[in-house]
Amino acid sequence: MFRAAADKDAAFMTTFSEAAKAHKGKMLFSFADVSGGIAEKLAEFMGVQKTDLPLLAAMLPKDMKKYRSATAAADLTVASIGAFADDVLAGKAAEHLKSEPVPET
């Protein structure tokens, strides 16, 4: 989960923490800001910008494929986070490809 520092007490963070407990062992759950240090480098690698926050994302280290949940953070549930993790692990989720912004002209 990528989130702004101001979102640390947001309702979606409680849901995310509950999902991490409910789906323990399925996938590593963590959250990060996009400003400063290793978190900023991770966000850059994942193609996440401040304008994308908050965002549920996943990465499979074996092949470095990246995924983004289409569900808005405010609409996340423990079940939807688990379903997203299941889809990523089963190869059913669409891979997110990092690319340059579309030129204006």
Protein backbone atom coordinates (compact mmCIF):
# COMPACT_ATOMS: atom_id res chain seq x y z
CA MET A 1 0.00 0.00 0.00
CA PHE A 2 1.39 3.36 -1.01
CA ARG A 3 -0.01 6.23 1.01
CA ALA A 4 0.80 9.78 2.05
CA ALA A 5 2.17 10.36 5.54
CA ALA A 6 -1.07 12.19 6.38
CA ASP A 7 -3.01 8.97 5.66
CA LYS A 8 -1.45 6.99 8.51
CA ASP A 9 -4.71 7.08 10.50
CA ALA A 10 -7.10 6.77 7.53
CA ALA A 11 -9.82 4.13 7.63
CA PHE A 12 -8.29 2.26 4.69
CA MET A 13 -5.13 1.71 6.75
CA THR A 14 -7.18 -0.11 9.41
CA THR A 15 -8.72 -2.26 6.68
CA PHE A 16 -5.27 -2.90 5.19
CA SER A 17 -3.89 -3.96 8.60
CA GLU A 18 -6.84 -6.32 9.13
CA ALA A 19 -6.30 -7.80 5.66
CA ALA A 20 -2.61 -8.35 6.40
CA LYS A 21 -3.56 -10.38 9.48
CA ALA A 22 -6.35 -12.28 7.71
CA HIS A 23 -4.15 -13.20 4.74
CA LYS A 24 -0.88 -13.74 6.60
CA GLY A 25 1.45 -16.08 4.75
CA LYS A 26 -0.19 -15.46 1.39
CA MET A 27 1.85 -12.37 0.53
CA LEU A 28 4.02 -9.84 2.34
CA PHE A 29 1.94 -6.79 3.25
CA SER A 30 3.61 -3.42 3.83
CA PHE A 31 2.94 0.25 3.34
CA ALA A 32 5.14 3.11 2.21
CA ASP A 33 5.13 6.82 1.57
CA VAL A 34 6.56 8.10 -1.71
CA SER A 35 8.79 10.81 -0.32
CA GLY A 36 12.31 10.20 0.86
CA GLY A 37 14.66 7.29 1.30
CA ILE A 38 14.08 3.75 0.18
CA ALA A 39 10.29 4.25 -0.02
CA GLU A 40 10.76 6.94 -2.66
CA LYS A 41 12.98 4.59 -4.69
CA LEU A 42 10.42 1.80 -4.35
CA ALA A 43 7.64 4.12 -5.53
CA GLU A 44 9.75 5.21 -8.50
CA PHE A 45 10.49 1.57 -9.38
CA MET A 46 6.78 0.73 -9.15
CA GLY A 47 5.80 3.80 -11.19
CA VAL A 48 3.83 5.35 -8.32
CA GLN A 49 3.61 9.13 -8.05
CA LYS A 50 2.15 11.36 -5.35
CA THR A 51 -0.90 11.96 -7.52
CA ASP A 52 -1.63 8.18 -7.41
CA LEU A 53 -1.94 8.05 -3.61
CA PRO A 54 -3.34 6.14 -1.86
CA LEU A 55 -2.82 3.00 -3.96
CA LEU A 56 -2.86 -0.74 -3.34
CA ALA A 57 -0.09 -2.29 -5.42
CA ALA A 58 1.81 -5.55 -5.56
CA MET A 59 5.02 -6.88 -7.03
CA LEU A 60 6.21 -10.42 -7.63
CA PRO A 61 9.96 -10.42 -6.95
CA LYS A 62 10.61 -13.55 -9.00
CA ASP A 63 9.88 -11.84 -12.32
CA MET A 64 9.54 -8.23 -11.07
CA LYS A 65 6.01 -7.89 -12.44
CA LYS A 66 4.00 -5.05 -10.92
CA TYR A 67 0.26 -4.83 -10.31
CA ARG A 68 -2.21 -2.14 -9.22
CA SER A 69 -5.60 -2.65 -7.67
CA ALA A 70 -8.43 -0.94 -9.55
CA THR A 71 -10.31 -0.49 -6.25
CA ALA A 72 -10.04 2.94 -4.65
CA ALA A 73 -8.43 2.87 -1.21
CA ALA A 74 -11.64 4.11 0.47
CA ASP A 75 -13.54 1.16 -1.04
CA LEU A 76 -11.08 -1.57 -0.02
CA THR A 77 -12.30 -4.40 2.18
CA VAL A 78 -10.44 -7.29 3.77
CA ALA A 79 -12.06 -9.56 1.17
CA SER A 80 -11.18 -7.33 -1.81
CA ILE A 81 -7.56 -7.06 -0.69
CA GLY A 82 -7.42 -10.85 -0.34
CA ALA A 83 -8.98 -11.29 -3.78
CA PHE A 84 -6.42 -8.90 -5.28
CA ALA A 85 -3.58 -10.89 -3.67
CA ASP A 86 -5.10 -14.16 -4.93
CA ASP A 87 -5.42 -12.79 -8.48
CA VAL A 88 -1.83 -11.55 -8.47
CA LEU A 89 -0.49 -14.87 -7.21
CA ALA A 90 -2.64 -16.88 -9.66
CA GLY A 91 -1.56 -14.79 -12.65
CA LYS A 92 -5.11 -13.47 -13.17
CA ALA A 93 -4.35 -9.79 -12.47
CA ALA A 94 -3.32 -7.49 -15.29
CA GLU A 95 0.31 -6.45 -15.08
CA HIS A 96 0.95 -2.71 -14.67
CA LEU A 97 3.59 -1.48 -17.08
CA LYS A 98 5.51 1.62 -16.12
CA SER A 99 5.76 4.01 -19.04
CA GLU A 100 6.45 7.60 -19.92
CA PRO A 101 3.52 10.04 -19.82
CA VAL A 102 1.63 10.46 -23.11
CA PRO A 103 2.96 13.55 -24.92
CA GLU A 104 0.56 16.48 -25.24
CA THR A 105 1.17 16.76 -28.98
